[in-house]
Amino acid sequence: MAAPRKYSLELRERAVRMYRTSDPKPQIKRLAIELGVHPEALRGWIRQAEADAGERDDRLTTDERAEFAALRKENAQLKRANEVLRTASACGNYTSPPPPTTAGAVPSANRVRVSVRTPC
């Protein structure tokens, strides 16, 4: 579970909007002090807003970050599944599950029965 956010989303959006609409651009440190936030937090919010607007190429957009996190999660799940299959295959004690049968149906003679044992 992620840590709770120190600053609300409304504050973040307002701070970035204030910076981006100001002309000339204020010093980030002074604006941060006026808003009561840490200067590096404000700097990061501004950079992320610029990346989301397509003004920066050195950062991922918010959507790209979300997609990247989802892909990392899926990759971790696939690695766990592969490890289970690799362990079962190395032990030689895994056979495929039996196919579902309907009531009263006779299983075919060429179907493989399941035999799952504990890992080696």
Protein backbone atom coordinates (compact mmCIF):
# COMPACT_ATOMS: atom_id res chain seq x y z
CA MET A 1 0.00 0.00 0.00
CA ALA A 2 1.32 3.42 -0.90
CA ALA A 3 2.07 6.02 1.73
CA PRO A 4 -0.54 8.75 2.20
CA ARG A 5 0.11 11.91 0.24
CA LYS A 6 1.48 14.80 2.21
CA TYR A 7 -0.09 17.42 -0.05
CA SER A 8 -3.60 17.27 -1.51
CA LEU A 9 -4.15 16.99 -5.25
CA GLU A 10 -5.96 20.35 -5.23
CA LEU A 11 -2.90 22.03 -3.72
CA ARG A 12 -0.64 20.41 -6.29
CA GLU A 13 -2.84 21.46 -9.20
CA ARG A 14 -3.21 25.00 -7.86
CA ALA A 15 0.54 25.37 -7.29
CA VAL A 16 1.39 24.17 -10.78
CA ARG A 17 -1.31 26.38 -12.32
CA MET A 18 0.02 29.41 -10.39
CA TYR A 19 3.55 28.75 -11.64
CA ARG A 20 2.56 28.10 -15.25
CA THR A 21 0.24 31.13 -15.56
CA SER A 22 2.65 33.59 -13.93
CA ASP A 23 4.57 35.94 -16.15
CA PRO A 24 7.44 36.28 -15.49
CA LYS A 25 7.94 32.85 -13.94
CA PRO A 26 8.44 33.10 -10.17
CA GLN A 27 11.30 31.41 -8.40
CA ILE A 28 10.16 27.96 -7.41
CA LYS A 29 11.63 28.34 -3.95
CA ARG A 30 9.71 31.55 -3.23
CA LEU A 31 6.45 30.20 -4.57
CA ALA A 32 6.91 27.04 -2.52
CA ILE A 33 7.46 29.08 0.65
CA GLU A 34 4.32 31.13 -0.08
CA LEU A 35 2.28 27.95 -0.53
CA GLY A 36 3.85 26.15 2.42
CA VAL A 37 5.26 23.23 0.42
CA HIS A 38 8.76 21.87 0.00
CA PRO A 39 10.55 23.48 -2.98
CA GLU A 40 11.65 20.13 -4.43
CA ALA A 41 8.09 18.83 -4.25
CA LEU A 42 6.87 21.84 -6.23
CA ARG A 43 9.73 21.45 -8.70
CA GLY A 44 8.75 17.80 -9.27
CA TRP A 45 5.07 18.70 -9.76
CA ILE A 46 6.01 21.34 -12.33
CA ARG A 47 8.30 18.96 -14.21
CA GLN A 48 5.58 16.28 -14.26
CA ALA A 49 3.01 18.80 -15.54
CA GLU A 50 5.42 19.83 -18.29
CA ALA A 51 5.96 16.17 -19.25
CA ASP A 52 2.20 15.56 -19.33
CA ALA A 53 1.80 18.61 -21.58
CA GLY A 54 4.47 17.28 -23.97
CA GLU A 55 6.93 20.05 -23.15
CA ARG A 56 9.58 17.68 -21.73
CA ASP A 57 11.03 14.52 -23.22
CA ASP A 58 13.18 13.54 -20.25
CA ARG A 59 10.29 12.20 -18.13
CA LEU A 60 7.45 9.74 -18.56
CA THR A 61 3.95 11.15 -18.63
CA THR A 62 1.51 10.18 -15.88
CA ASP A 63 -0.26 7.78 -18.25
CA GLU A 64 3.03 6.16 -19.25
CA ARG A 65 3.97 5.76 -15.59
CA ALA A 66 0.65 4.03 -14.86
CA GLU A 67 1.09 1.72 -17.84
CA PHE A 68 4.67 0.97 -16.81
CA ALA A 69 3.55 0.09 -13.28
CA ALA A 70 0.83 -2.22 -14.63
CA LEU A 71 3.35 -3.93 -16.92
CA ARG A 72 5.78 -4.41 -14.03
CA LYS A 73 3.02 -6.00 -11.96
CA GLU A 74 2.02 -8.31 -14.82
CA ASN A 75 5.66 -9.21 -15.42
CA ALA A 76 6.11 -10.15 -11.75
CA GLN A 77 3.00 -12.37 -11.90
CA LEU A 78 4.27 -14.10 -15.04
CA LYS A 79 7.69 -14.67 -13.45
CA ARG A 80 6.00 -16.31 -10.43
CA ALA A 81 3.91 -18.51 -12.71
CA ASN A 82 6.98 -19.49 -14.75
CA GLU A 83 8.85 -20.38 -11.58
CA VAL A 84 6.01 -22.64 -10.44
CA LEU A 85 5.92 -24.32 -13.84
CA ARG A 86 9.71 -24.64 -13.95
CA THR A 87 9.76 -26.26 -10.50
CA ALA A 88 6.97 -28.64 -11.40
CA SER A 89 8.63 -29.51 -14.71
CA ALA A 90 12.02 -30.11 -13.08
CA CYS A 91 10.48 -32.52 -10.59
CA GLY A 92 8.66 -34.36 -13.33
CA ASN A 93 5.54 -34.69 -11.26
CA TYR A 94 3.10 -32.43 -13.05
CA THR A 95 0.57 -33.53 -15.59
CA SER A 96 -2.18 -31.44 -17.07
CA PRO A 97 -5.53 -31.24 -15.30
CA PRO A 98 -8.29 -33.53 -16.53
CA PRO A 99 -10.73 -32.07 -18.98
CA PRO A 100 -14.16 -31.26 -17.61
CA THR A 101 -16.70 -34.02 -18.11
CA THR A 102 -20.42 -33.76 -18.32
CA ALA A 103 -22.68 -35.89 -16.17
CA GLY A 104 -22.84 -39.43 -17.46
CA ALA A 105 -20.07 -38.98 -20.04
CA VAL A 106 -17.35 -41.60 -20.25
CA PRO A 107 -13.82 -40.18 -20.25
CA SER A 108 -11.84 -40.84 -23.38
CA ALA A 109 -9.01 -43.38 -23.11
CA ASN A 110 -6.46 -40.99 -24.61
CA ARG A 111 -6.86 -38.26 -21.98
CA VAL A 112 -4.12 -37.75 -19.41
CA ARG A 113 -4.93 -37.96 -15.72
CA VAL A 114 -3.68 -35.36 -13.28
CA SER A 115 -1.03 -36.14 -10.75
CA VAL A 116 0.28 -33.22 -8.72
CA ARG A 117 2.76 -33.86 -5.93
CA THR A 118 4.73 -31.61 -3.68
CA PRO A 119 7.93 -30.09 -5.15
CA CYS A 120 11.10 -32.21 -5.05
